[in-house]
Amino acid sequence: MKKNIYSLLRGTFLISDDSFKNWKVILFISALAIVMIASSHSADKKVHEIARLNNEVKELRSQFYDGRTKLMDLKMESSVVTKMKQKGLVSSETPPQKIIVKPNQN
């Protein structure tokens, strides 16, 4: 047992006569490790991109609601009347009349 551990630490399994099969396994495991690391980095990039896009969506949604609130305030009749009074215009005392046009019957 002690001899096996010593030979493993010295690396004699890499330089012995039948070491070619050992090198194949080592290279295969190394390639798998590289692929796994690259995949992990790619997944991390995607997670960060998703988080950034979620924050951007929240910001845009907040801007949309803010703009919609301002628009509703501007469209209110009371705010329109106040702005028109500042410009010297007042609302009419008589209500508008509906004009009905009948088609000609020839």
PDB file of N, CA and C in Angstrom:
ATOM      1  N   MET A   1       0.834  -1.187   0.000  1.00  0.00           N
ATOM      2  CA  MET A   1       0.000   0.000   0.000  1.00  0.00           C
ATOM      3  C   MET A   1       0.875   1.246   0.000  1.00  0.00           C
ATOM      4  N   LYS A   2       1.911   1.200   0.844  1.00  0.00           N
ATOM      5  CA  LYS A   2       2.816   2.341   0.936  1.00  0.00           C
ATOM      6  C   LYS A   2       3.557   2.542  -0.385  1.00  0.00           C
ATOM      7  N   LYS A   3       3.915   1.433  -1.026  1.00  0.00           N
ATOM      8  CA  LYS A   3       4.636   1.497  -2.289  1.00  0.00           C
ATOM      9  C   LYS A   3       3.747   2.084  -3.385  1.00  0.00           C
ATOM     10  N   ASN A   4       2.442   1.732  -3.396  1.00  0.00           N
ATOM     11  CA  ASN A   4       1.507   2.263  -4.388  1.00  0.00           C
ATOM     12  C   ASN A   4       1.322   3.776  -4.241  1.00  0.00           C
ATOM     13  N   ILE A   5       1.213   4.233  -3.010  1.00  0.00           N
ATOM     14  CA  ILE A   5       1.055   5.670  -2.765  1.00  0.00           C
ATOM     15  C   ILE A   5       2.322   6.407  -3.174  1.00  0.00           C
ATOM     16  N   TYR A   6       3.478   5.837  -2.865  1.00  0.00           N
ATOM     17  CA  TYR A   6       4.755   6.449  -3.219  1.00  0.00           C
ATOM     18  C   TYR A   6       4.909   6.538  -4.733  1.00  0.00           C
ATOM     19  N   SER A   7       4.537   5.473  -5.432  1.00  0.00           N
ATOM     20  CA  SER A   7       4.656   5.491  -6.903  1.00  0.00           C
ATOM     21  C   SER A   7       3.649   6.466  -7.524  1.00  0.00           C
ATOM     22  N   LEU A   8       2.502   6.621  -6.902  1.00  0.00           N
ATOM     23  CA  LEU A   8       1.513   7.587  -7.383  1.00  0.00           C
ATOM     24  C   LEU A   8       2.036   9.008  -7.221  1.00  0.00           C
ATOM     25  N   LEU A   9       2.640   9.293  -6.063  1.00  0.00           N
ATOM     26  CA  LEU A   9       3.182  10.625  -5.818  1.00  0.00           C
ATOM     27  C   LEU A   9       4.373  10.933  -6.726  1.00  0.00           C
ATOM     28  N   ARG A  10       5.167   9.964  -7.021  1.00  0.00           N
ATOM     29  CA  ARG A  10       6.327  10.170  -7.908  1.00  0.00           C
ATOM     30  C   ARG A  10       5.905  10.280  -9.367  1.00  0.00           C
ATOM     31  N   GLY A  11       4.751   9.770  -9.710  1.00  0.00           N
ATOM     32  CA  GLY A  11       4.262   9.851 -11.084  1.00  0.00           C
ATOM     33  C   GLY A  11       4.816   8.780 -11.987  1.00  0.00           C
ATOM     34  N   THR A  12       5.174   7.659 -11.450  1.00  0.00           N
ATOM     35  CA  THR A  12       5.730   6.584 -12.280  1.00  0.00           C
ATOM     36  C   THR A  12       4.688   5.996 -13.215  1.00  0.00           C
ATOM     37  N   PHE A  13       3.409   6.170 -12.899  1.00  0.00           N
ATOM     38  CA  PHE A  13       2.366   5.646 -13.788  1.00  0.00           C
ATOM     39  C   PHE A  13       2.306   6.447 -15.096  1.00  0.00           C
ATOM     40  N   LEU A  14       2.929   7.630 -15.116  1.00  0.00           N
ATOM     41  CA  LEU A  14       2.926   8.444 -16.334  1.00  0.00           C
ATOM     42  C   LEU A  14       4.108   8.146 -17.245  1.00  0.00           C
ATOM     43  N   ILE A  15       5.163   7.548 -16.701  1.00  0.00           N
ATOM     44  CA  ILE A  15       6.364   7.313 -17.518  1.00  0.00           C
ATOM     45  C   ILE A  15       6.662   5.828 -17.735  1.00  0.00           C
ATOM     46  N   SER A  16       5.792   4.985 -17.260  1.00  0.00           N
ATOM     47  CA  SER A  16       6.024   3.552 -17.444  1.00  0.00           C
ATOM     48  C   SER A  16       5.724   3.156 -18.894  1.00  0.00           C
ATOM     49  N   ASP A  17       5.965   1.893 -19.230  1.00  0.00           N
ATOM     50  CA  ASP A  17       5.802   1.415 -20.604  1.00  0.00           C
ATOM     51  C   ASP A  17       4.357   1.456 -21.078  1.00  0.00           C
ATOM     52  N   ASP A  18       3.414   1.148 -20.215  1.00  0.00           N
ATOM     53  CA  ASP A  18       1.998   1.151 -20.609  1.00  0.00           C
ATOM     54  C   ASP A  18       1.290   2.443 -20.175  1.00  0.00           C
ATOM     55  N   SER A  19       2.013   3.539 -20.169  1.00  0.00           N
ATOM     56  CA  SER A  19       1.452   4.812 -19.682  1.00  0.00           C
ATOM     57  C   SER A  19       0.569   5.512 -20.728  1.00  0.00           C
ATOM     58  N   PHE A  20       0.582   5.023 -21.979  1.00  0.00           N
ATOM     59  CA  PHE A  20      -0.205   5.676 -23.024  1.00  0.00           C
ATOM     60  C   PHE A  20      -1.694   5.672 -22.685  1.00  0.00           C
ATOM     61  N   LYS A  21      -2.210   4.573 -22.141  1.00  0.00           N
ATOM     62  CA  LYS A  21      -3.626   4.533 -21.763  1.00  0.00           C
ATOM     63  C   LYS A  21      -3.908   5.468 -20.594  1.00  0.00           C
ATOM     64  N   ASN A  22      -2.935   5.637 -19.705  1.00  0.00           N
ATOM     65  CA  ASN A  22      -3.116   6.591 -18.609  1.00  0.00           C
ATOM     66  C   ASN A  22      -3.186   8.025 -19.131  1.00  0.00           C
ATOM     67  N   TRP A  23      -2.350   8.344 -20.094  1.00  0.00           N
ATOM     68  CA  TRP A  23      -2.359   9.696 -20.674  1.00  0.00           C
ATOM     69  C   TRP A  23      -3.679   9.977 -21.381  1.00  0.00           C
ATOM     70  N   LYS A  24      -4.241   8.981 -22.035  1.00  0.00           N
ATOM     71  CA  LYS A  24      -5.538   9.169 -22.701  1.00  0.00           C
ATOM     72  C   LYS A  24      -6.612   9.558 -21.690  1.00  0.00           C
ATOM     73  N   VAL A  25      -6.647   8.846 -20.578  1.00  0.00           N
ATOM     74  CA  VAL A  25      -7.644   9.128 -19.536  1.00  0.00           C
ATOM     75  C   VAL A  25      -7.414  10.517 -18.950  1.00  0.00           C
ATOM     76  N   ILE A  26      -6.152  10.858 -18.693  1.00  0.00           N
ATOM     77  CA  ILE A  26      -5.847  12.170 -18.115  1.00  0.00           C
ATOM     78  C   ILE A  26      -6.246  13.287 -19.072  1.00  0.00           C
ATOM     79  N   LEU A  27      -5.935  13.129 -20.343  1.00  0.00           N
ATOM     80  CA  LEU A  27      -6.314  14.152 -21.334  1.00  0.00           C
ATOM     81  C   LEU A  27      -7.834  14.259 -21.484  1.00  0.00           C
ATOM     82  N   PHE A  28      -8.519  13.121 -21.443  1.00  0.00           N
ATOM     83  CA  PHE A  28      -9.973  13.136 -21.531  1.00  0.00           C
ATOM     84  C   PHE A  28     -10.584  13.859 -20.337  1.00  0.00           C
ATOM     85  N   ILE A  29     -10.102  13.567 -19.141  1.00  0.00           N
ATOM     86  CA  ILE A  29     -10.612  14.212 -17.927  1.00  0.00           C
ATOM     87  C   ILE A  29     -10.295  15.715 -17.951  1.00  0.00           C
ATOM     88  N   SER A  30      -9.113  16.071 -18.450  1.00  0.00           N
ATOM     89  CA  SER A  30      -8.752  17.490 -18.552  1.00  0.00           C
ATOM     90  C   SER A  30      -9.669  18.221 -19.527  1.00  0.00           C
ATOM     91  N   ALA A  31      -9.963  17.590 -20.656  1.00  0.00           N
ATOM     92  CA  ALA A  31     -10.866  18.197 -21.634  1.00  0.00           C
ATOM     93  C   ALA A  31     -12.260  18.370 -21.039  1.00  0.00           C
ATOM     94  N   LEU A  32     -12.737  17.376 -20.320  1.00  0.00           N
ATOM     95  CA  LEU A  32     -14.041  17.490 -19.671  1.00  0.00           C
ATOM     96  C   LEU A  32     -14.053  18.622 -18.644  1.00  0.00           C
ATOM     97  N   ALA A  33     -12.971  18.780 -17.906  1.00  0.00           N
ATOM     98  CA  ALA A  33     -12.876  19.855 -16.907  1.00  0.00           C
ATOM     99  C   ALA A  33     -12.915  21.218 -17.587  1.00  0.00           C
ATOM    100  N   ILE A  34     -12.223  21.355 -18.709  1.00  0.00           N
ATOM    101  CA  ILE A  34     -12.221  22.629 -19.446  1.00  0.00           C
ATOM    102  C   ILE A  34     -13.616  22.941 -19.968  1.00  0.00           C
ATOM    103  N   VAL A  35     -14.288  21.946 -20.500  1.00  0.00           N
ATOM    104  CA  VAL A  35     -15.656  22.147 -20.996  1.00  0.00           C
ATOM    105  C   VAL A  35     -16.587  22.536 -19.852  1.00  0.00           C
ATOM    106  N   MET A  36     -16.426  21.895 -18.707  1.00  0.00           N
ATOM    107  CA  MET A  36     -17.266  22.200 -17.550  1.00  0.00           C
ATOM    108  C   MET A  36     -17.025  23.630 -17.058  1.00  0.00           C
ATOM    109  N   ILE A  37     -15.782  24.064 -17.025  1.00  0.00           N
ATOM    110  CA  ILE A  37     -15.461  25.424 -16.589  1.00  0.00           C
ATOM    111  C   ILE A  37     -16.028  26.443 -17.566  1.00  0.00           C
ATOM    112  N   ALA A  38     -15.887  26.181 -18.867  1.00  0.00           N
ATOM    113  CA  ALA A  38     -16.428  27.101 -19.875  1.00  0.00           C
ATOM    114  C   ALA A  38     -17.945  27.181 -19.775  1.00  0.00           C
ATOM    115  N   SER A  39     -18.586  26.055 -19.555  1.00  0.00           N
ATOM    116  CA  SER A  39     -20.037  26.031 -19.417  1.00  0.00           C
ATOM    117  C   SER A  39     -20.485  26.808 -18.182  1.00  0.00           C
ATOM    118  N   SER A  40     -19.743  26.665 -17.102  1.00  0.00           N
ATOM    119  CA  SER A  40     -20.062  27.395 -15.874  1.00  0.00           C
ATOM    120  C   SER A  40     -19.933  28.902 -16.079  1.00  0.00           C
ATOM    121  N   HIS A  41     -18.882  29.334 -16.764  1.00  0.00           N
ATOM    122  CA  HIS A  41     -18.704  30.764 -17.047  1.00  0.00           C
ATOM    123  C   HIS A  41     -19.819  31.295 -17.938  1.00  0.00           C
ATOM    124  N   SER A  42     -20.198  30.514 -18.914  1.00  0.00           N
ATOM    125  CA  SER A  42     -21.286  30.916 -19.806  1.00  0.00           C
ATOM    126  C   SER A  42     -22.601  31.058 -19.048  1.00  0.00           C
ATOM    127  N   ALA A  43     -22.871  30.122 -18.162  1.00  0.00           N
ATOM    128  CA  ALA A  43     -24.100  30.191 -17.359  1.00  0.00           C
ATOM    129  C   ALA A  43     -24.079  31.414 -16.440  1.00  0.00           C
ATOM    130  N   ASP A  44     -22.924  31.706 -15.854  1.00  0.00           N
ATOM    131  CA  ASP A  44     -22.812  32.885 -14.988  1.00  0.00           C
ATOM    132  C   ASP A  44     -23.058  34.173 -15.772  1.00  0.00           C
ATOM    133  N   LYS A  45     -22.519  34.237 -16.987  1.00  0.00           N
ATOM    134  CA  LYS A  45     -22.751  35.418 -17.834  1.00  0.00           C
ATOM    135  C   LYS A  45     -24.236  35.597 -18.106  1.00  0.00           C
ATOM    136  N   LYS A  46     -24.907  34.505 -18.408  1.00  0.00           N
ATOM    137  CA  LYS A  46     -26.337  34.582 -18.707  1.00  0.00           C
ATOM    138  C   LYS A  46     -27.139  35.007 -17.480  1.00  0.00           C
ATOM    139  N   VAL A  47     -26.752  34.519 -16.309  1.00  0.00           N
ATOM    140  CA  VAL A  47     -27.448  34.899 -15.082  1.00  0.00           C
ATOM    141  C   VAL A  47     -27.288  36.396 -14.829  1.00  0.00           C
ATOM    142  N   HIS A  48     -26.069  36.911 -15.021  1.00  0.00           N
ATOM    143  CA  HIS A  48     -25.841  38.341 -14.821  1.00  0.00           C
ATOM    144  C   HIS A  48     -26.597  39.177 -15.850  1.00  0.00           C
ATOM    145  N   GLU A  49     -26.644  38.702 -17.074  1.00  0.00           N
ATOM    146  CA  GLU A  49     -27.386  39.418 -18.127  1.00  0.00           C
ATOM    147  C   GLU A  49     -28.881  39.442 -17.814  1.00  0.00           C
ATOM    148  N   ILE A  50     -29.410  38.339 -17.330  1.00  0.00           N
ATOM    149  CA  ILE A  50     -30.831  38.284 -16.966  1.00  0.00           C
ATOM    150  C   ILE A  50     -31.122  39.234 -15.821  1.00  0.00           C
ATOM    151  N   ALA A  51     -30.250  39.285 -14.832  1.00  0.00           N
ATOM    152  CA  ALA A  51     -30.447  40.206 -13.700  1.00  0.00           C
ATOM    153  C   ALA A  51     -30.408  41.649 -14.167  1.00  0.00           C
ATOM    154  N   ARG A  52     -29.474  41.969 -15.078  1.00  0.00           N
ATOM    155  CA  ARG A  52     -29.377  43.335 -15.601  1.00  0.00           C
ATOM    156  C   ARG A  52     -30.631  43.711 -16.389  1.00  0.00           C
ATOM    157  N   LEU A  53     -31.109  42.786 -17.201  1.00  0.00           N
ATOM    158  CA  LEU A  53     -32.308  43.059 -17.980  1.00  0.00           C
ATOM    159  C   LEU A  53     -33.545  43.192 -17.097  1.00  0.00           C
ATOM    160  N   ASN A  54     -33.623  42.401 -16.032  1.00  0.00           N
ATOM    161  CA  ASN A  54     -34.745  42.535 -15.093  1.00  0.00           C
ATOM    162  C   ASN A  54     -34.738  43.896 -14.423  1.00  0.00           C
ATOM    163  N   ASN A  55     -33.551  44.380 -14.043  1.00  0.00           N
ATOM    164  CA  ASN A  55     -33.463  45.712 -13.447  1.00  0.00           C
ATOM    165  C   ASN A  55     -33.873  46.786 -14.449  1.00  0.00           C
ATOM    166  N   GLU A  56     -33.471  46.602 -15.704  1.00  0.00           N
ATOM    167  CA  GLU A  56     -33.837  47.568 -16.743  1.00  0.00           C
ATOM    168  C   GLU A  56     -35.351  47.569 -16.976  1.00  0.00           C
ATOM    169  N   VAL A  57     -35.955  46.392 -16.960  1.00  0.00           N
ATOM    170  CA  VAL A  57     -37.408  46.297 -17.132  1.00  0.00           C
ATOM    171  C   VAL A  57     -38.130  46.996 -15.983  1.00  0.00           C
ATOM    172  N   LYS A  58     -37.644  46.803 -14.761  1.00  0.00           N
ATOM    173  CA  LYS A  58     -38.261  47.476 -13.612  1.00  0.00           C
ATOM    174  C   LYS A  58     -38.151  48.984 -13.736  1.00  0.00           C
ATOM    175  N   GLU A  59     -36.996  49.474 -14.181  1.00  0.00           N
ATOM    176  CA  GLU A  59     -36.796  50.909 -14.345  1.00  0.00           C
ATOM    177  C   GLU A  59     -37.724  51.460 -15.429  1.00  0.00           C
ATOM    178  N   LEU A  60     -37.813  50.762 -16.558  1.00  0.00           N
ATOM    179  CA  LEU A  60     -38.684  51.221 -17.649  1.00  0.00           C
ATOM    180  C   LEU A  60     -40.154  51.173 -17.236  1.00  0.00           C
ATOM    181  N   ARG A  61     -40.538  50.157 -16.483  1.00  0.00           N
ATOM    182  CA  ARG A  61     -41.923  50.064 -16.013  1.00  0.00           C
ATOM    183  C   ARG A  61     -42.230  51.229 -15.066  1.00  0.00           C
ATOM    184  N   SER A  62     -41.269  51.566 -14.221  1.00  0.00           N
ATOM    185  CA  SER A  62     -41.444  52.690 -13.303  1.00  0.00           C
ATOM    186  C   SER A  62     -41.582  54.003 -14.079  1.00  0.00           C
ATOM    187  N   GLN A  63     -40.767  54.174 -15.103  1.00  0.00           N
ATOM    188  CA  GLN A  63     -40.867  55.381 -15.937  1.00  0.00           C
ATOM    189  C   GLN A  63     -42.212  55.428 -16.652  1.00  0.00           C
ATOM    190  N   PHE A  64     -42.684  54.285 -17.109  1.00  0.00           N
ATOM    191  CA  PHE A  64     -43.976  54.233 -17.801  1.00  0.00           C
ATOM    192  C   PHE A  64     -45.100  54.656 -16.864  1.00  0.00           C
ATOM    193  N   TYR A  65     -45.109  54.104 -15.653  1.00  0.00           N
ATOM    194  CA  TYR A  65     -46.163  54.460 -14.695  1.00  0.00           C
ATOM    195  C   TYR A  65     -46.077  55.935 -14.312  1.00  0.00           C
ATOM    196  N   ASP A  66     -44.876  56.447 -14.168  1.00  0.00           N
ATOM    197  CA  ASP A  66     -44.697  57.855 -13.841  1.00  0.00           C
ATOM    198  C   ASP A  66     -45.228  58.736 -14.972  1.00  0.00           C
ATOM    199  N   GLY A  67     -44.899  58.381 -16.199  1.00  0.00           N
ATOM    200  CA  GLY A  67     -45.394  59.143 -17.353  1.00  0.00           C
ATOM    201  C   GLY A  67     -46.903  59.067 -17.489  1.00  0.00           C
ATOM    202  N   ARG A  68     -47.450  57.891 -17.237  1.00  0.00           N
ATOM    203  CA  ARG A  68     -48.900  57.738 -17.332  1.00  0.00           C
ATOM    204  C   ARG A  68     -49.606  58.565 -16.256  1.00  0.00           C
ATOM    205  N   THR A  69     -49.036  58.617 -15.058  1.00  0.00           N
ATOM    206  CA  THR A  69     -49.620  59.418 -13.983  1.00  0.00           C
ATOM    207  C   THR A  69     -49.589  60.898 -14.342  1.00  0.00           C
ATOM    208  N   LYS A  70     -48.458  61.368 -14.891  1.00  0.00           N
ATOM    209  CA  LYS A  70     -48.360  62.772 -15.300  1.00  0.00           C
ATOM    210  C   LYS A  70     -49.366  63.084 -16.395  1.00  0.00           C
ATOM    211  N   LEU A  71     -49.529  62.166 -17.347  1.00  0.00           N
ATOM    212  CA  LEU A  71     -50.489  62.367 -18.425  1.00  0.00           C
ATOM    213  C   LEU A  71     -51.909  62.450 -17.889  1.00  0.00           C
ATOM    214  N   MET A  72     -52.258  61.591 -16.952  1.00  0.00           N
ATOM    215  CA  MET A  72     -53.610  61.629 -16.362  1.00  0.00           C
ATOM    216  C   MET A  72     -53.840  62.957 -15.638  1.00  0.00           C
ATOM    217  N   ASP A  73     -52.808  63.462 -14.965  1.00  0.00           N
ATOM    218  CA  ASP A  73     -52.938  64.761 -14.298  1.00  0.00           C
ATOM    219  C   ASP A  73     -53.141  65.879 -15.318  1.00  0.00           C
ATOM    220  N   LEU A  74     -52.426  65.811 -16.437  1.00  0.00           N
ATOM    221  CA  LEU A  74     -52.554  66.849 -17.469  1.00  0.00           C
ATOM    222  C   LEU A  74     -53.904  66.786 -18.173  1.00  0.00           C
ATOM    223  N   LYS A  75     -54.483  65.596 -18.286  1.00  0.00           N
ATOM    224  CA  LYS A  75     -55.758  65.434 -18.994  1.00  0.00           C
ATOM    225  C   LYS A  75     -56.964  65.787 -18.137  1.00  0.00           C
ATOM    226  N   MET A  76     -56.770  65.930 -16.830  1.00  0.00           N
ATOM    227  CA  MET A  76     -57.909  66.239 -15.965  1.00  0.00           C
ATOM    228  C   MET A  76     -58.477  67.607 -16.327  1.00  0.00           C
ATOM    229  N   GLU A  77     -59.809  67.708 -16.300  1.00  0.00           N
ATOM    230  CA  GLU A  77     -60.475  68.935 -16.710  1.00  0.00           C
ATOM    231  C   GLU A  77     -60.059  70.118 -15.853  1.00  0.00           C
ATOM    232  N   SER A  78     -59.877  69.890 -14.575  1.00  0.00           N
ATOM    233  CA  SER A  78     -59.512  70.997 -13.676  1.00  0.00           C
ATOM    234  C   SER A  78     -58.140  71.577 -14.035  1.00  0.00           C
ATOM    235  N   SER A  79     -57.178  70.723 -14.376  1.00  0.00           N
ATOM    236  CA  SER A  79     -55.857  71.242 -14.736  1.00  0.00           C
ATOM    237  C   SER A  79     -55.895  71.943 -16.087  1.00  0.00           C
ATOM    238  N   VAL A  80     -56.731  71.456 -17.018  1.00  0.00           N
ATOM    239  CA  VAL A  80     -56.854  72.109 -18.326  1.00  0.00           C
ATOM    240  C   VAL A  80     -57.488  73.487 -18.148  1.00  0.00           C
ATOM    241  N   VAL A  81     -58.524  73.570 -17.314  1.00  0.00           N
ATOM    242  CA  VAL A  81     -59.200  74.847 -17.082  1.00  0.00           C
ATOM    243  C   VAL A  81     -58.239  75.844 -16.446  1.00  0.00           C
ATOM    244  N   THR A  82     -57.428  75.410 -15.492  1.00  0.00           N
ATOM    245  CA  THR A  82     -56.475  76.322 -14.835  1.00  0.00           C
ATOM    246  C   THR A  82     -55.435  76.830 -15.822  1.00  0.00           C
ATOM    247  N   LYS A  83     -54.942  75.977 -16.676  1.00  0.00           N
ATOM    248  CA  LYS A  83     -53.940  76.409 -17.648  1.00  0.00           C
ATOM    249  C   LYS A  83     -54.550  77.350 -18.687  1.00  0.00           C
ATOM    250  N   MET A  84     -55.805  77.109 -19.057  1.00  0.00           N
ATOM    251  CA  MET A  84     -56.453  77.996 -20.033  1.00  0.00           C
ATOM    252  C   MET A  84     -56.771  79.358 -19.407  1.00  0.00           C
ATOM    253  N   LYS A  85     -57.095  79.385 -18.129  1.00  0.00           N
ATOM    254  CA  LYS A  85     -57.332  80.665 -17.447  1.00  0.00           C
ATOM    255  C   LYS A  85     -56.056  81.489 -17.413  1.00  0.00           C
ATOM    256  N   GLN A  86     -54.925  80.841 -17.266  1.00  0.00           N
ATOM    257  CA  GLN A  86     -53.647  81.554 -17.268  1.00  0.00           C
ATOM    258  C   GLN A  86     -53.380  82.189 -18.626  1.00  0.00           C
ATOM    259  N   LYS A  87     -53.886  81.564 -19.684  1.00  0.00           N
ATOM    260  CA  LYS A  87     -53.704  82.101 -21.034  1.00  0.00           C
ATOM    261  C   LYS A  87     -54.821  83.054 -21.436  1.00  0.00           C
ATOM    262  N   GLY A  88     -55.812  83.234 -20.576  1.00  0.00           N
ATOM    263  CA  GLY A  88     -56.889  84.169 -20.853  1.00  0.00           C
ATOM    264  C   GLY A  88     -58.119  83.536 -21.480  1.00  0.00           C
ATOM    265  N   LEU A  89     -58.207  82.235 -21.540  1.00  0.00           N
ATOM    266  CA  LEU A  89     -59.373  81.561 -22.107  1.00  0.00           C
ATOM    267  C   LEU A  89     -60.240  81.034 -20.972  1.00  0.00           C
ATOM    268  N   VAL A  90     -61.559  81.133 -21.152  1.00  0.00           N
ATOM    269  CA  VAL A  90     -62.486  80.613 -20.145  1.00  0.00           C
ATOM    270  C   VAL A  90     -63.416  79.615 -20.810  1.00  0.00           C
ATOM    271  N   SER A  91     -64.021  78.762 -20.007  1.00  0.00           N
ATOM    272  CA  SER A  91     -64.922  77.767 -20.574  1.00  0.00           C
ATOM    273  C   SER A  91     -66.259  78.422 -20.921  1.00  0.00           C
ATOM    274  N   SER A  92     -66.940  77.848 -21.873  1.00  0.00           N
ATOM    275  CA  SER A  92     -68.202  78.389 -22.359  1.00  0.00           C
ATOM    276  C   SER A  92     -69.310  78.177 -21.337  1.00  0.00           C
ATOM    277  N   GLU A  93     -70.222  79.153 -21.276  1.00  0.00           N
ATOM    278  CA  GLU A  93     -71.362  79.046 -20.357  1.00  0.00           C
ATOM    279  C   GLU A  93     -72.475  78.197 -20.975  1.00  0.00           C
ATOM    280  N   THR A  94     -72.592  78.222 -22.294  1.00  0.00           N
ATOM    281  CA  THR A  94     -73.643  77.454 -22.973  1.00  0.00           C
ATOM    282  C   THR A  94     -73.058  76.124 -23.428  1.00  0.00           C
ATOM    283  N   PRO A  95     -73.786  75.075 -23.207  1.00  0.00           N
ATOM    284  CA  PRO A  95     -73.273  73.770 -23.637  1.00  0.00           C
ATOM    285  C   PRO A  95     -73.297  73.655 -25.166  1.00  0.00           C
ATOM    286  N   PRO A  96     -72.459  72.827 -25.709  1.00  0.00           N
ATOM    287  CA  PRO A  96     -72.440  72.652 -27.166  1.00  0.00           C
ATOM    288  C   PRO A  96     -73.714  71.956 -27.657  1.00  0.00           C
ATOM    289  N   GLN A  97     -74.083  72.251 -28.905  1.00  0.00           N
ATOM    290  CA  GLN A  97     -75.266  71.629 -29.493  1.00  0.00           C
ATOM    291  C   GLN A  97     -74.826  70.590 -30.508  1.00  0.00           C
ATOM    292  N   LYS A  98     -75.613  69.536 -30.585  1.00  0.00           N
ATOM    293  CA  LYS A  98     -75.314  68.454 -31.492  1.00  0.00           C
ATOM    294  C   LYS A  98     -75.949  68.756 -32.845  1.00  0.00           C
ATOM    295  N   ILE A  99     -75.160  68.637 -33.896  1.00  0.00           N
ATOM    296  CA  ILE A  99     -75.659  68.870 -35.254  1.00  0.00           C
ATOM    297  C   ILE A  99     -75.838  67.508 -35.911  1.00  0.00           C
ATOM    298  N   ILE A 100     -77.050  67.243 -36.383  1.00  0.00           N
ATOM    299  CA  ILE A 100     -77.375  65.967 -37.026  1.00  0.00           C
ATOM    300  C   ILE A 100     -77.582  66.232 -38.511  1.00  0.00           C
ATOM    301  N   VAL A 101     -76.837  65.553 -39.342  1.00  0.00           N
ATOM    302  CA  VAL A 101     -76.960  65.691 -40.789  1.00  0.00           C
ATOM    303  C   VAL A 101     -77.658  64.454 -41.311  1.00  0.00           C
ATOM    304  N   LYS A 102     -78.789  64.681 -41.989  1.00  0.00           N
ATOM    305  CA  LYS A 102     -79.530  63.551 -42.572  1.00  0.00           C
ATOM    306  C   LYS A 102     -79.084  63.368 -44.017  1.00  0.00           C
ATOM    307  N   PRO A 103     -78.908  62.123 -44.432  1.00  0.00           N
ATOM    308  CA  PRO A 103     -78.492  61.893 -45.813  1.00  0.00           C
ATOM    309  C   PRO A 103     -79.627  62.242 -46.798  1.00  0.00           C
ATOM    310  N   ASN A 104     -79.247  62.703 -47.980  1.00  0.00           N
ATOM    311  CA  ASN A 104     -80.260  63.016 -49.011  1.00  0.00           C
ATOM    312  C   ASN A 104     -80.882  61.742 -49.536  1.00  0.00           C
ATOM    313  N   GLN A 105     -82.216  61.796 -49.701  1.00  0.00           N
ATOM    314  CA  GLN A 105     -82.917  60.628 -50.225  1.00  0.00           C
ATOM    315  C   GLN A 105     -83.342  60.946 -51.654  1.00  0.00           C
ATOM    316  N   ASN A 106     -82.573  60.565 -52.617  1.00  0.00           N
ATOM    317  CA  ASN A 106     -82.890  60.842 -54.041  1.00  0.00           C
ATOM    318  C   ASN A 106     -83.579  59.708 -54.695  1.00  0.00           C
TER     319      ASN A 106
END
